[in-house]
C-alpha atoms as a PDB file:
ATOM      1  CA  MET A   1     114.613  12.659 116.000  1.00  0.00           C
ATOM      2  CA  LYS A   2     117.782  12.555 113.926  1.00  0.00           C
ATOM      3  CA  ILE A   3     119.651  15.553 112.531  1.00  0.00           C
ATOM      4  CA  SER A   4     118.997  14.170 109.055  1.00  0.00           C
ATOM      5  CA  ASP A   5     115.242  14.439 109.786  1.00  0.00           C
ATOM      6  CA  LEU A   6     115.628  18.191 110.413  1.00  0.00           C
ATOM      7  CA  ARG A   7     117.129  18.750 106.946  1.00  0.00           C
ATOM      8  CA  THR A   8     113.929  17.579 105.236  1.00  0.00           C
ATOM      9  CA  MET A   9     111.654  19.978 107.128  1.00  0.00           C
ATOM     10  CA  ARG A  10     110.464  23.315 105.791  1.00  0.00           C
ATOM     11  CA  ILE A  11     111.207  26.419 107.858  1.00  0.00           C
ATOM     12  CA  VAL A  12     108.221  28.746 108.334  1.00  0.00           C
ATOM     13  CA  ASN A  13     108.447  32.279 109.743  1.00  0.00           C
ATOM     14  CA  ILE A  14     105.720  32.886 112.307  1.00  0.00           C
ATOM     15  CA  ALA A  15     105.982  36.651 111.666  1.00  0.00           C
ATOM     16  CA  ASP A  16     104.474  36.420 108.162  1.00  0.00           C
ATOM     17  CA  GLY A  17     103.739  32.723 107.504  1.00  0.00           C
ATOM     18  CA  LYS A  18     106.245  32.497 104.641  1.00  0.00           C
ATOM     19  CA  ILE A  19     108.200  29.349 103.920  1.00  0.00           C
ATOM     20  CA  LEU A  20     111.863  30.323 104.229  1.00  0.00           C
ATOM     21  CA  GLY A  21     113.456  27.140 102.928  1.00  0.00           C
ATOM     22  CA  LYS A  22     115.128  24.118 104.474  1.00  0.00           C
ATOM     23  CA  ILE A  23     118.097  23.671 106.773  1.00  0.00           C
ATOM     24  CA  SER A  24     121.412  23.518 104.970  1.00  0.00           C
ATOM     25  CA  ASP A  25     123.541  23.113 108.114  1.00  0.00           C
ATOM     26  CA  LEU A  26     123.598  23.355 111.903  1.00  0.00           C
ATOM     27  CA  VAL A  27     125.714  25.540 114.184  1.00  0.00           C
ATOM     28  CA  MET A  28     126.968  23.375 117.024  1.00  0.00           C
ATOM     29  CA  ASP A  29     128.775  24.039 120.287  1.00  0.00           C
ATOM     30  CA  VAL A  30     130.661  20.759 120.411  1.00  0.00           C
ATOM     31  CA  ASN A  31     132.320  21.565 123.738  1.00  0.00           C
ATOM     32  CA  ARG A  32     128.975  21.985 125.476  1.00  0.00           C
ATOM     33  CA  GLY A  33     127.047  19.528 123.285  1.00  0.00           C
ATOM     34  CA  TYR A  34     124.160  21.606 121.979  1.00  0.00           C
ATOM     35  CA  ILE A  35     122.830  23.212 118.812  1.00  0.00           C
ATOM     36  CA  LYS A  36     123.371  26.996 118.701  1.00  0.00           C
ATOM     37  CA  GLY A  37     121.370  27.615 115.537  1.00  0.00           C
ATOM     38  CA  ILE A  38     120.447  26.516 112.050  1.00  0.00           C
ATOM     39  CA  ILE A  39     121.777  27.676 108.697  1.00  0.00           C
ATOM     40  CA  MET A  40     119.499  28.180 105.720  1.00  0.00           C
ATOM     41  CA  PRO A  41     119.916  29.704 102.274  1.00  0.00           C
ATOM     42  CA  GLY A  42     119.556  33.482 102.129  1.00  0.00           C
ATOM     43  CA  GLY A  43     116.627  33.441  99.738  1.00  0.00           C
ATOM     44  CA  SER A  44     117.976  32.567  96.319  1.00  0.00           C
ATOM     45  CA  LYS A  45     116.846  29.353  94.625  1.00  0.00           C
ATOM     46  CA  TRP A  46     120.089  29.241  92.632  1.00  0.00           C
ATOM     47  CA  PRO A  47     123.269  27.716  94.044  1.00  0.00           C
ATOM     48  CA  LEU A  48     125.272  30.144  96.154  1.00  0.00           C
ATOM     49  CA  PHE A  49     128.169  30.366  93.692  1.00  0.00           C
ATOM     50  CA  TRP A  50     125.764  31.843  91.083  1.00  0.00           C
ATOM     51  CA  SER A  51     124.215  34.313  93.477  1.00  0.00           C
ATOM     52  CA  SER A  52     125.111  37.203  95.732  1.00  0.00           C
ATOM     53  CA  GLU A  53     122.796  35.745  98.405  1.00  0.00           C
ATOM     54  CA  ARG A  54     124.492  34.201 101.411  1.00  0.00           C
ATOM     55  CA  GLU A  55     123.403  31.767 104.034  1.00  0.00           C
ATOM     56  CA  VAL A  56     121.525  33.032 107.073  1.00  0.00           C
ATOM     57  CA  GLU A  57     121.976  31.804 110.626  1.00  0.00           C
ATOM     58  CA  VAL A  58     118.824  31.451 112.691  1.00  0.00           C
ATOM     59  CA  PRO A  59     119.742  31.452 116.405  1.00  0.00           C
ATOM     60  CA  TRP A  60     118.273  28.606 118.445  1.00  0.00           C
ATOM     61  CA  GLU A  61     116.357  31.162 120.524  1.00  0.00           C
ATOM     62  CA  ASN A  62     114.364  32.090 117.393  1.00  0.00           C
ATOM     63  CA  ILE A  63     113.171  28.516 116.843  1.00  0.00           C
ATOM     64  CA  LYS A  64     109.739  28.358 118.438  1.00  0.00           C
ATOM     65  CA  LYS A  65     108.544  24.847 117.554  1.00  0.00           C
ATOM     66  CA  ILE A  66     109.817  21.780 115.749  1.00  0.00           C
ATOM     67  CA  GLY A  67     106.892  19.756 114.442  1.00  0.00           C
ATOM     68  CA  GLN A  68     106.686  16.602 112.343  1.00  0.00           C
ATOM     69  CA  ASP A  69     106.905  18.461 109.003  1.00  0.00           C
ATOM     70  CA  VAL A  70     107.915  22.056 109.721  1.00  0.00           C
ATOM     71  CA  ILE A  71     110.153  24.171 111.919  1.00  0.00           C
ATOM     72  CA  ILE A  72     108.508  27.385 113.135  1.00  0.00           C
ATOM     73  CA  VAL A  73     110.877  30.323 113.610  1.00  0.00           C
ATOM     74  CA  ASP A  74     110.287  33.906 114.706  1.00  0.00           C
ATOM     75  CA  MET A  75     112.412  36.155 112.514  1.00  0.00           C
ATOM     76  CA  PRO A  76     111.917  39.895 111.978  1.00  0.00           C
ATOM     77  CA  LEU A  77     110.417  40.704 108.579  1.00  0.00           C
ATOM     78  CA  SER A  78     113.642  42.525 107.639  1.00  0.00           C
ATOM     79  CA  TRP A  79     115.951  39.577 108.507  1.00  0.00           C
ATOM     80  CA  GLY A  80     116.779  38.777 104.879  1.00  0.00           C
ATOM     81  CA  GLN A  81     117.826  42.364 104.163  1.00  0.00           C
ATOM     82  CA  ASN A  82     120.068  43.055 107.143  1.00  0.00           C
ATOM     83  CA  ASN A  83     121.098  39.791 108.749  1.00  0.00           C
ATOM     84  CA  ASN A  84     122.889  37.909 105.963  1.00  0.00           C
ATOM     85  CA  LYS A  85     126.326  36.734 106.998  1.00  0.00           C
END
């Protein structure tokens, strides 16, 4: 699987079954050679410069399964309220 393949997948929260969006970026540890997490929009459908919403980092530990079409994550139901960066 290529990194570009990940960007086309929908992210689904296992906690409530909601589609959270798609990956906008990855957090990498280039010195150790692994992915630390994924970045996704904070919930707004408008571009970030028109919105107060920020991007949200999902730690790699919260990614439960990467399938052919979706990425399953386990995020607390309050993640969008308290965990924006």
